Amino acid sequence: MRVLVVNAGSSSLKNQLIETDGKVTLMKCLAEKVGTPGAFMNVSFAPDFQKTTYNAVSYTHLTLPTT
């Protein structure tokens, strides 16, 4: 079975995708500075876990229409 584990903080989001049968981590992700112009996300996949960094766009300035 695959399980997605999520840890959400006030300005960060961490998660891992784990294969429980072999207790193997398949993916790791860390988003930091969420809600700021400097927000970014690091993502890595098994087996080598080479980190790829992405800029994370913040939409906190948008106002949603009301009905």
C-alpha atoms as a PDB file:
ATOM      1  CA  MET A   1       0.000   0.000   0.000  1.00  0.00           C
ATOM      2  CA  ARG A   2       1.179   3.543  -0.702  1.00  0.00           C
ATOM      3  CA  VAL A   3       0.665   6.234   1.915  1.00  0.00           C
ATOM      4  CA  LEU A   4       1.070   9.992   1.496  1.00  0.00           C
ATOM      5  CA  VAL A   5       2.263  11.542   4.761  1.00  0.00           C
ATOM      6  CA  VAL A   6       1.701  15.311   5.070  1.00  0.00           C
ATOM      7  CA  ASN A   7       2.991  17.754   7.696  1.00  0.00           C
ATOM      8  CA  ALA A   8       1.556  21.253   7.254  1.00  0.00           C
ATOM      9  CA  GLY A   9       3.025  24.156   9.183  1.00  0.00           C
ATOM     10  CA  SER A  10       2.276  27.864   9.110  1.00  0.00           C
ATOM     11  CA  SER A  11       4.700  28.568   6.249  1.00  0.00           C
ATOM     12  CA  SER A  12       5.892  25.137   5.155  1.00  0.00           C
ATOM     13  CA  LEU A  13       4.482  21.911   3.771  1.00  0.00           C
ATOM     14  CA  LYS A  14       6.388  18.633   3.974  1.00  0.00           C
ATOM     15  CA  ASN A  15       5.277  15.329   2.502  1.00  0.00           C
ATOM     16  CA  GLN A  16       6.547  11.874   1.631  1.00  0.00           C
ATOM     17  CA  LEU A  17       5.081   9.067  -0.427  1.00  0.00           C
ATOM     18  CA  ILE A  18       5.867   5.764   1.275  1.00  0.00           C
ATOM     19  CA  GLU A  19       5.459   2.182   0.038  1.00  0.00           C
ATOM     20  CA  THR A  20       4.469   0.408   3.249  1.00  0.00           C
ATOM     21  CA  ASP A  21       5.137  -3.141   2.012  1.00  0.00           C
ATOM     22  CA  GLY A  22       8.874  -2.571   1.884  1.00  0.00           C
ATOM     23  CA  LYS A  23       8.962   0.556   4.075  1.00  0.00           C
ATOM     24  CA  VAL A  24      10.456   2.442   1.137  1.00  0.00           C
ATOM     25  CA  THR A  25      10.209   6.189   0.569  1.00  0.00           C
ATOM     26  CA  LEU A  26       9.273   6.887  -3.065  1.00  0.00           C
ATOM     27  CA  MET A  27       9.060  10.699  -3.045  1.00  0.00           C
ATOM     28  CA  LYS A  28       9.907  13.623  -0.776  1.00  0.00           C
ATOM     29  CA  CYS A  29       8.647  17.180  -1.085  1.00  0.00           C
ATOM     30  CA  LEU A  30       9.299  20.317   0.954  1.00  0.00           C
ATOM     31  CA  ALA A  31       7.620  23.667   0.279  1.00  0.00           C
ATOM     32  CA  GLU A  32       8.955  26.586   2.303  1.00  0.00           C
ATOM     33  CA  LYS A  33       8.130  30.271   2.711  1.00  0.00           C
ATOM     34  CA  VAL A  34       4.567  29.502   1.590  1.00  0.00           C
ATOM     35  CA  GLY A  35       2.560  32.677   1.095  1.00  0.00           C
ATOM     36  CA  THR A  36       5.600  34.856   0.409  1.00  0.00           C
ATOM     37  CA  PRO A  37       7.221  36.046  -2.818  1.00  0.00           C
ATOM     38  CA  GLY A  38      10.230  33.841  -2.013  1.00  0.00           C
ATOM     39  CA  ALA A  39       8.243  30.600  -1.777  1.00  0.00           C
ATOM     40  CA  PHE A  40       9.888  27.490  -3.230  1.00  0.00           C
ATOM     41  CA  MET A  41       9.406  23.731  -3.350  1.00  0.00           C
ATOM     42  CA  ASN A  42      12.016  20.968  -3.386  1.00  0.00           C
ATOM     43  CA  VAL A  43      10.926  17.638  -4.865  1.00  0.00           C
ATOM     44  CA  SER A  44      12.931  14.403  -5.083  1.00  0.00           C
ATOM     45  CA  PHE A  45      12.130  10.858  -6.168  1.00  0.00           C
ATOM     46  CA  ALA A  46      13.599   7.443  -5.396  1.00  0.00           C
ATOM     47  CA  PRO A  47      16.026   5.863  -5.928  1.00  0.00           C
ATOM     48  CA  ASP A  48      18.603   8.671  -6.052  1.00  0.00           C
ATOM     49  CA  PHE A  49      16.564  11.534  -4.499  1.00  0.00           C
ATOM     50  CA  GLN A  50      18.190  14.208  -6.631  1.00  0.00           C
ATOM     51  CA  LYS A  51      16.514  17.426  -5.528  1.00  0.00           C
ATOM     52  CA  THR A  52      14.724  19.655  -8.038  1.00  0.00           C
ATOM     53  CA  THR A  53      13.741  23.128  -6.838  1.00  0.00           C
ATOM     54  CA  TYR A  54      10.697  25.002  -8.164  1.00  0.00           C
ATOM     55  CA  ASN A  55       9.542  28.543  -7.546  1.00  0.00           C
ATOM     56  CA  ALA A  56       6.143  28.425  -5.859  1.00  0.00           C
ATOM     57  CA  VAL A  57       3.763  31.174  -6.951  1.00  0.00           C
ATOM     58  CA  SER A  58       1.736  32.795  -4.181  1.00  0.00           C
ATOM     59  CA  TYR A  59      -1.876  33.720  -4.835  1.00  0.00           C
ATOM     60  CA  THR A  60      -2.486  35.348  -1.444  1.00  0.00           C
ATOM     61  CA  HIS A  61      -3.116  38.712  -3.109  1.00  0.00           C
ATOM     62  CA  LEU A  62      -6.134  37.477  -5.111  1.00  0.00           C
ATOM     63  CA  THR A  63      -9.701  38.172  -4.062  1.00  0.00           C
ATOM     64  CA  LEU A  64     -12.238  35.495  -4.945  1.00  0.00           C
ATOM     65  CA  PRO A  65     -15.596  36.668  -6.310  1.00  0.00           C
ATOM     66  CA  THR A  66     -18.532  36.344  -3.952  1.00  0.00           C
ATOM     67  CA  THR A  67     -21.985  35.224  -5.026  1.00  0.00           C
END
